[in-house]
Protein backbone atom coordinates (compact mmCIF):
# COMPACT_ATOMS: atom_id res chain seq x y z
CA MET A 1 -7.14 72.89 17.46
CA ALA A 2 -7.12 75.55 14.79
CA ASP A 3 -3.66 74.45 13.60
CA LYS A 4 -4.85 70.94 12.70
CA ARG A 5 -5.88 70.10 9.15
CA ASP A 6 -9.28 68.62 8.43
CA TYR A 7 -9.08 64.83 8.68
CA TYR A 8 -10.93 64.34 5.39
CA GLU A 9 -8.46 66.72 3.74
CA VAL A 10 -5.53 64.82 5.26
CA LEU A 11 -6.70 61.55 3.68
CA GLY A 12 -7.86 63.24 0.48
CA VAL A 13 -11.41 61.88 0.60
CA GLU A 14 -14.88 63.40 0.53
CA LYS A 15 -16.97 63.63 3.71
CA SER A 16 -19.36 61.15 2.13
CA ALA A 17 -16.58 58.55 1.61
CA ASP A 18 -17.38 55.04 2.82
CA ASP A 19 -15.14 52.89 5.03
CA ALA A 20 -13.50 51.15 2.07
CA ALA A 21 -12.48 54.47 0.45
CA ILE A 22 -11.09 55.76 3.75
CA LYS A 23 -9.07 52.58 4.30
CA LYS A 24 -7.73 52.66 0.74
CA ALA A 25 -6.64 56.30 1.08
CA PHE A 26 -4.94 55.56 4.39
CA ARG A 27 -3.00 52.60 2.99
CA GLN A 28 -1.68 54.64 0.06
CA LEU A 29 -0.61 57.61 2.19
CA ALA A 30 0.86 55.48 4.98
CA LYS A 31 3.09 53.70 2.46
CA LYS A 32 4.09 57.01 0.92
CA TYR A 33 5.08 58.72 4.18
CA HIS A 34 6.29 55.75 6.22
CA PRO A 35 9.61 56.60 8.01
CA ASP A 36 11.29 53.46 6.63
CA MET A 37 10.78 54.82 3.12
CA ASN A 38 11.80 58.35 4.09
CA PRO A 39 14.72 57.98 6.51
CA GLY A 40 15.63 61.25 8.19
CA ASP A 41 12.75 63.15 6.57
CA LYS A 42 11.04 64.98 9.44
CA GLU A 43 8.30 66.35 7.21
CA ALA A 44 7.37 62.86 6.00
CA GLU A 45 7.39 61.61 9.58
CA GLN A 46 4.99 64.38 10.62
CA LYS A 47 2.67 63.62 7.69
CA PHE A 48 2.74 59.93 8.63
CA LYS A 49 1.57 60.80 12.16
CA GLU A 50 -1.10 63.08 10.73
CA VAL A 51 -2.39 60.34 8.42
CA GLN A 52 -2.51 57.82 11.26
CA GLU A 53 -4.44 60.19 13.48
CA ALA A 54 -6.95 60.99 10.73
CA TYR A 55 -7.53 57.31 9.99
CA ALA A 56 -7.89 56.44 13.68
CA VAL A 57 -10.83 58.86 13.89
CA LEU A 58 -12.52 58.36 10.53
CA SER A 59 -12.29 54.54 10.62
CA ASP A 60 -14.25 54.46 13.89
CA SER A 61 -17.97 55.10 13.30
CA GLU A 62 -18.56 56.67 16.72
CA LYS A 63 -15.44 58.88 16.61
CA ARG A 64 -16.28 59.89 13.04
CA ARG A 65 -19.80 60.91 14.15
CA GLN A 66 -18.33 63.03 16.94
CA TYR A 67 -15.79 64.60 14.57
CA ASP A 68 -18.45 65.41 11.98
CA GLN A 69 -20.48 67.14 14.72
CA PHE A 70 -17.80 68.95 16.74
CA GLY A 71 -14.64 68.86 14.60
CA HIS A 72 -11.26 68.58 16.34
CA SER A 73 -12.72 69.93 19.56
CA ALA A 74 -14.60 66.62 19.95
CA PHE A 75 -11.41 65.09 21.32
CA ASP A 76 -9.97 67.85 23.52
CA GLY A 77 -12.69 67.56 26.21
CA SER A 78 -14.10 71.02 25.56
CA THR A 79 -17.42 69.78 24.15
CA GLY A 80 -18.22 67.19 26.78
CA ALA A 81 -17.93 64.45 24.19
CA GLY A 82 -15.43 62.61 26.35
CA GLY A 83 -12.25 63.22 24.35
CA PHE A 84 -10.21 60.58 22.52
CA ASP A 85 -7.18 58.71 23.83
CA PHE A 86 -4.98 57.64 20.87
CA SER A 87 -2.70 55.54 23.06
CA GLY A 88 -5.35 52.84 23.47
CA MET A 89 -5.90 52.18 19.76
CA ASP A 90 -5.58 48.65 18.36
CA MET A 91 -4.38 49.13 14.78
CA GLY A 92 -2.65 45.77 14.58
CA ASP A 93 -4.95 44.49 11.86
CA ILE A 94 -4.58 47.48 9.56
CA PHE A 95 -0.79 47.67 10.05
CA SER A 96 -0.44 43.93 9.50
CA ASP A 97 -2.34 44.37 6.26
CA LEU A 98 -0.40 47.44 5.25
CA PHE A 99 3.13 46.30 5.98
CA GLY A 100 2.48 42.71 4.92
CA ASP A 101 1.71 44.00 1.41
CA PHE A 102 4.42 46.63 1.60
CA PHE A 103 7.25 44.25 2.44
CA GLY A 104 6.03 41.38 0.27
CA GLY A 105 4.56 39.12 2.91
CA GLY A 106 0.89 39.84 2.43
CA ARG A 107 -1.76 39.09 5.03
CA ARG A 108 -1.57 35.63 6.47
CA SER A 109 -4.53 33.38 6.94
CA SER A 110 -5.07 31.54 10.18
CA ASP A 111 -1.80 29.66 10.81
CA ASN A 112 -3.43 26.63 12.37
CA GLY A 113 -5.97 26.21 9.55
CA PRO A 114 -5.55 23.82 6.60
CA ARG A 115 -2.69 24.92 4.36
CA LYS A 116 -1.59 23.57 1.00
CA GLY A 117 1.87 22.03 0.87
CA ALA A 118 4.78 23.64 -0.97
CA ASN A 119 5.44 22.86 -4.64
CA LEU A 120 8.40 20.71 -5.63
CA ARG A 121 10.56 21.38 -8.70
CA ALA A 122 12.42 19.05 -11.04
CA SER A 123 13.78 19.13 -14.59
CA VAL A 124 13.92 16.80 -17.57
CA ARG A 125 15.83 16.96 -20.86
CA ILE A 126 14.22 15.92 -24.16
CA THR A 127 15.21 16.00 -27.83
CA PHE A 128 13.93 18.55 -30.35
CA GLU A 129 11.88 15.86 -32.06
CA GLU A 130 10.30 14.83 -28.73
CA SER A 131 9.26 18.42 -28.10
CA ILE A 132 7.35 18.34 -31.40
CA SER A 133 5.64 14.96 -31.05
CA GLY A 134 5.37 14.80 -27.25
CA CYS A 135 6.70 11.98 -25.11
CA GLU A 136 6.62 10.34 -21.70
CA LYS A 137 9.53 10.49 -19.25
CA GLU A 138 10.14 8.93 -15.85
CA LEU A 139 11.72 10.91 -13.00
CA GLU A 140 13.07 9.84 -9.63
CA ILE A 141 12.22 12.32 -6.87
CA VAL A 142 12.03 12.30 -3.08
CA LEU A 143 8.45 12.47 -1.77
CA LYS A 144 7.08 12.60 1.75
CA ASP A 145 4.27 10.24 2.68
CA GLU A 146 2.28 9.94 5.88
CA CYS A 147 4.12 7.99 8.55
CA LYS A 148 2.44 4.60 8.93
CA THR A 149 3.54 4.31 12.55
CA CYS A 150 1.87 7.48 13.87
CA HIS A 151 -0.57 7.98 10.96
CA GLY A 152 0.72 11.49 10.40
CA SER A 153 0.25 12.80 13.95
CA GLY A 154 3.98 12.87 14.73
CA ALA A 155 3.27 11.54 18.22
CA LYS A 156 4.50 8.29 19.68
CA PRO A 157 1.92 5.48 19.32
CA GLY A 158 -0.39 5.51 22.32
CA THR A 159 0.02 9.28 22.79
CA ASN A 160 -1.55 12.32 21.18
CA PRO A 161 -0.40 15.86 20.40
CA GLN A 162 -1.38 18.33 23.12
CA THR A 163 -3.00 21.72 22.68
CA CYS A 164 -0.35 24.44 22.79
CA THR A 165 -0.60 26.29 26.10
CA LYS A 166 1.11 29.40 24.79
CA CYS A 167 -1.46 30.17 22.05
CA GLY A 168 -4.35 28.07 23.35
CA GLY A 169 -4.41 26.08 20.09
CA LYS A 170 -4.92 29.14 17.87
CA GLY A 171 -1.48 28.95 16.29
CA LYS A 172 -0.82 32.66 16.80
CA VAL A 173 -0.10 34.96 19.69
CA MET A 174 -0.73 38.66 20.26
CA TYR A 175 1.97 41.00 21.50
CA SER A 176 2.19 44.73 22.23
CA GLN A 177 4.59 47.11 20.54
CA GLN A 178 5.32 50.79 21.10
CA SER A 179 4.17 52.92 18.16
CA LEU A 180 3.93 56.61 17.36
CA PHE A 181 0.64 56.76 19.24
CA GLY A 182 1.48 54.47 22.13
CA MET A 183 1.11 50.71 22.49
CA VAL A 184 -0.19 48.80 19.46
CA GLN A 185 -1.17 45.14 19.50
CA ASN A 186 0.15 42.87 16.76
CA VAL A 187 -0.23 39.19 15.88
CA GLN A 188 2.50 36.66 15.04
CA THR A 189 2.88 32.90 14.56
CA CYS A 190 3.17 31.09 17.84
CA PRO A 191 6.88 30.24 18.36
CA GLU A 192 6.03 27.31 20.61
CA CYS A 193 3.96 25.25 18.12
CA ASN A 194 5.05 26.97 14.84
CA GLY A 195 1.44 27.83 14.06
CA THR A 196 0.03 24.29 14.34
CA GLY A 197 -1.74 24.86 17.66
CA LYS A 198 -0.41 21.49 18.85
CA VAL A 199 2.68 20.43 20.81
CA ILE A 200 4.10 16.91 20.63
CA LYS A 201 5.49 15.81 23.99
CA GLU A 202 6.59 12.31 22.90
CA LYS A 203 7.64 12.17 19.25
CA CYS A 204 7.26 9.18 16.92
CA SER A 205 10.59 7.38 16.63
CA ASP A 206 10.13 6.66 12.91
CA CYS A 207 9.31 10.15 11.63
CA ARG A 208 10.81 12.06 14.58
CA GLY A 209 7.65 14.04 15.09
CA SER A 210 7.23 15.28 11.51
CA GLY A 211 4.39 12.90 10.70
CA TYR A 212 5.96 12.02 7.33
CA ILE A 213 8.55 9.61 5.91
CA ALA A 214 10.65 10.65 2.87
CA SER A 215 11.40 8.08 0.17
CA LYS A 216 12.43 7.98 -3.49
CA LYS A 217 9.60 7.60 -5.97
CA ARG A 218 9.50 7.17 -9.74
CA ILE A 219 7.04 9.56 -11.34
CA LYS A 220 5.88 9.42 -14.98
CA VAL A 221 5.71 12.78 -16.73
CA THR A 222 3.68 13.25 -19.90
CA ILE A 223 5.29 15.91 -22.11
CA PRO A 224 2.67 17.47 -24.43
CA PRO A 225 3.44 18.05 -28.15
CA GLY A 226 4.68 21.56 -28.86
CA ILE A 227 6.30 22.30 -25.50
CA ASP A 228 9.16 24.79 -25.71
CA ASN A 229 12.48 25.02 -23.91
CA GLY A 230 12.06 26.38 -20.37
CA GLN A 231 8.35 25.65 -20.05
CA SER A 232 7.07 23.49 -17.19
CA VAL A 233 4.63 20.62 -16.78
CA ARG A 234 2.52 20.64 -13.59
CA ILE A 235 1.72 17.33 -11.90
CA ARG A 236 -1.01 17.79 -9.32
CA ASP A 237 -0.64 16.55 -5.73
CA LYS A 238 2.98 15.38 -6.10
CA GLY A 239 4.52 18.15 -3.99
CA GLU A 240 5.06 18.59 -0.25
CA PRO A 241 2.29 17.38 2.10
CA GLY A 242 -0.17 20.00 3.35
CA ARG A 243 -0.50 21.14 6.95
CA ASN A 244 -3.44 20.58 9.25
CA GLY A 245 -5.37 18.60 6.67
CA GLY A 246 -4.47 20.81 3.73
CA PRO A 247 -3.87 19.34 0.22
CA ARG A 248 -0.45 18.41 -1.13
CA GLY A 249 1.45 20.81 -3.30
CA ASP A 250 2.28 20.18 -6.97
CA LEU A 251 5.36 18.98 -8.83
CA LEU A 252 6.61 21.44 -11.46
CA VAL A 253 8.84 19.79 -14.07
CA GLU A 254 10.89 22.20 -16.19
CA VAL A 255 11.53 20.93 -19.72
CA MET A 256 14.92 21.51 -21.35
CA VAL A 257 14.99 20.91 -25.11
CA THR A 258 18.29 19.88 -26.72
CA ARG A 259 19.42 22.15 -29.59
CA HIS A 260 18.93 20.61 -33.04
CA PRO A 261 21.80 20.72 -35.59
CA ILE A 262 19.47 21.63 -38.49
CA PHE A 263 16.17 23.01 -37.22
CA GLN A 264 15.57 26.27 -35.38
CA ARG A 265 12.29 27.11 -33.69
CA GLN A 266 10.56 30.48 -33.48
CA ASP A 267 7.21 30.32 -31.67
CA ILE A 268 5.37 27.55 -33.59
CA ASP A 269 7.37 27.85 -36.83
CA ILE A 270 10.53 25.96 -37.80
CA TYR A 271 13.39 27.30 -39.92
CA SER A 272 16.17 25.46 -41.75
CA THR A 273 18.34 25.54 -44.88
CA ALA A 274 18.58 22.93 -47.65
CA PRO A 275 21.25 22.59 -50.38
CA ILE A 276 20.27 22.11 -54.03
CA SER A 277 22.56 21.46 -56.97
CA TYR A 278 23.39 23.98 -59.68
CA ALA A 279 21.50 21.86 -62.22
CA GLN A 280 18.42 21.57 -59.96
CA ALA A 281 18.35 25.34 -59.49
CA ALA A 282 18.67 25.95 -63.22
CA LEU A 283 16.41 23.19 -64.56
CA GLY A 284 13.98 22.80 -61.65
CA GLY A 285 12.57 19.49 -60.45
CA GLU A 286 12.02 17.55 -57.23
CA VAL A 287 14.40 17.95 -54.30
CA ARG A 288 14.37 16.05 -51.01
CA ILE A 289 13.96 18.21 -47.88
CA ASN A 290 14.37 17.07 -44.28
CA THR A 291 11.49 17.93 -41.86
CA VAL A 292 10.50 16.88 -38.33
CA ASP A 293 8.00 14.51 -39.97
CA GLY A 294 10.66 12.92 -42.18
CA ASP A 295 11.86 13.69 -45.71
CA VAL A 296 9.45 15.32 -48.16
CA LEU A 297 9.76 15.99 -51.92
CA TYR A 298 9.41 19.57 -53.09
CA ASP A 299 9.12 20.71 -56.72
CA VAL A 300 11.69 23.46 -57.25
CA LYS A 301 10.97 25.94 -60.02
CA ALA A 302 13.43 26.31 -62.89
CA GLY A 303 15.74 29.30 -62.42
CA THR A 304 15.57 29.25 -58.61
CA GLN A 305 18.13 31.61 -57.11
CA THR A 306 20.18 30.89 -53.99
CA ASP A 307 18.66 32.00 -50.63
CA THR A 308 15.13 31.53 -51.99
CA ARG A 309 12.80 30.76 -49.05
CA ILE A 310 9.98 28.25 -49.45
CA ARG A 311 7.14 27.38 -47.08
CA LEU A 312 6.05 23.89 -46.08
CA LYS A 313 2.60 24.47 -44.62
CA GLY A 314 1.69 22.55 -41.48
CA LYS A 315 5.18 21.12 -40.96
CA GLY A 316 6.00 23.28 -37.94
CA VAL A 317 5.27 22.97 -34.21
CA PRO A 318 1.87 21.95 -32.76
CA SER A 319 0.23 24.70 -30.69
CA LEU A 320 -0.04 23.99 -26.95
CA ARG A 321 -3.17 26.13 -26.73
CA ASN A 322 -5.01 24.63 -29.70
CA LYS A 323 -4.29 21.09 -30.87
CA SER A 324 -5.84 21.79 -34.28
CA ILE A 325 -3.24 24.48 -35.06
CA ARG A 326 0.27 23.74 -36.27
CA GLY A 327 2.96 26.10 -37.49
CA ASP A 328 4.86 26.04 -40.79
CA HIS A 329 8.37 25.05 -41.83
CA TYR A 330 10.36 27.69 -43.74
CA VAL A 331 13.30 26.39 -45.78
CA THR A 332 16.02 28.55 -47.33
CA LEU A 333 17.37 26.93 -50.54
CA VAL A 334 21.11 27.35 -51.02
CA VAL A 335 22.55 26.64 -54.49
CA GLN A 336 25.75 24.59 -54.26
CA VAL A 337 28.49 25.66 -56.74
CA PRO A 338 30.25 22.54 -58.07
CA THR A 339 33.92 22.07 -57.19
CA GLY A 340 36.60 19.55 -58.26
CA LEU A 341 35.44 19.40 -61.89
CA ASN A 342 37.25 17.20 -64.39
CA GLU A 343 38.08 18.45 -67.89
CA ALA A 344 34.94 17.01 -69.45
CA ALA A 345 32.73 18.73 -66.92
CA LYS A 346 34.59 21.99 -67.42
CA GLU A 347 34.15 21.78 -71.19
CA ALA A 348 30.45 21.07 -70.74
CA LEU A 349 30.15 24.17 -68.58
CA ARG A 350 31.97 26.24 -71.21
CA LYS A 351 29.55 25.05 -73.89
CA PHE A 352 26.63 25.75 -71.53
CA ASP A 353 27.93 29.23 -70.89
CA ALA A 354 28.35 29.87 -74.60
CA GLU A 355 24.86 28.60 -75.40
CA THR A 356 23.33 30.93 -72.80
CA GLY A 357 25.20 33.92 -74.22
CA ASN A 358 27.67 34.13 -71.37
CA SER A 359 30.80 32.85 -73.17
CA LEU A 360 33.85 32.54 -71.02
CA LYS A 361 35.75 34.33 -73.82
CA SER A 362 33.80 37.45 -73.07
CA ASN A 363 35.79 37.73 -69.87
CA ALA A 364 39.12 37.89 -71.77
CA PRO A 365 40.75 41.31 -72.08
CA LYS A 366 39.69 43.14 -75.26
CA THR A 367 42.33 44.23 -77.88
CA GLU A 368 42.29 47.70 -79.44
CA LYS A 369 40.94 48.04 -82.96
CA PRO A 370 43.68 49.14 -85.53
CA ARG A 371 43.56 52.83 -86.26
CA LYS A 372 42.39 53.69 -89.77
CA LYS A 373 45.32 55.03 -91.85
CA SER A 374 45.15 58.38 -93.67
CA PHE A 375 45.56 58.78 -97.48
CA LYS A 376 49.02 60.36 -97.10
CA GLU A 377 50.21 57.50 -94.91
CA LYS A 378 49.06 54.97 -97.46
CA ILE A 379 50.97 56.85 -100.32
CA LYS A 380 54.08 57.02 -98.19
CA GLU A 381 53.96 53.28 -97.43
CA SER A 382 53.64 52.50 -101.20
CA PHE A 383 56.81 54.47 -102.06
CA GLU A 384 58.68 52.75 -99.21
CA ASP A 385 57.84 49.37 -100.68
CA LEU A 386 59.50 50.25 -104.02
C-alpha cells in the first residue's frame, strides 16, 4: 500500500474536512478527470479512479474512521479490520448528481410528485406609441383544459388508473451498470408509466388517456407602459397543465415594437430631428416639435446653429421599474436652407447679407490696384502727348 497516495491528499482537503467539503472536492475533481472529458488520456483516467476510490472511503463514516486509524492497510485485510470491497458500492446518487449537473440535466425530483406544467410562448406586435402609453391586446392560443368526461384521470368512465407494476407506483426504477469499480446502481424514469406511477388500462375516448382537451382560447394581454422591443409579458397559470396535481405553467408573450419613422429609442430616452426655417434660426421664436405626447411649442434662441440639440424633459419613455420616472426627448434642430427663391426674395437676401457685413460682392474676384508711375514715366508721357 506504500504506492498509494493519501486519500485526503488525493481530494485536496484537510483531515478535519466535513462531509460537505469532501463531496464538493470530489465533484470538482471527478468532472476534471472524467474520461469523457479526457478521451484517450490514460493519466486522467487513472486520476479519475483514484479520486473515486478516495471519495468512496472518506464519504463513509465507518470506512473513514478505519482509514484514519490504520491508513490504506485498513482495507487489505492485514489489520483485521475486515477489508473493503469497492465492487459493492452504491454511488448512484452522487453520480446522478454529478453528471446531471455536468451534462445540463441537473438532479431530478421525484418523477411521480407534483410538477409544474411547461410554459407556453406567443408574440404580439404593437406600435411605438403603444409601447410608450401601454395598451391591451387579445391573443388566440391553444390551451389544454381538464377533460370533463374523465375529470383529468385519462381513464374511461367507470374505471381508474392502476398502480404501475414495474415501478410500484414510484415513477422511477433502479438499474445496475458496470463502472470502474464494479456494478453501480442508478435511477431512471419508469418507461412503463413515464414517471406518473400509474398505468391506464382503458383510456378515455374523448381525451385518449391524456386527461386534457385542447381548444382555442382568447386571452387578454395587458402591455405595460415603457415596454421595449423583445421584452416579454408573463401571464400566470395560462401555460401547460401540471402533472400529478402540480400547477399550470405560464404564458410568456414576447412584444415586438414597430419601428417609428421619426422617433428612435435608447433605454428610456427618445431621439429625433426637427427642421426649422432660416429665419427662425436667425431671429429665434417658437417652433412646433412633434413628441409622443403630441406637438409642443419650443422657444428657439436667436442665432441657433444647425445640429443644435435641445432637451424636452420628461417627454421620453416611462420606466418599467419605477412608474414615477420618465426619460427625456432629445431633438436635433436642422436649419433648412431656402430653395426656389424668386427675384424679390433673392434681392431681400442680398440686402440682408449687405446689412450684416457679408455682401455678396465680397465674393467677386478682386482687381489689381494700378501701379504707381515713376517721375520719369510721367515726363515721358507728357512729351508723347505734344
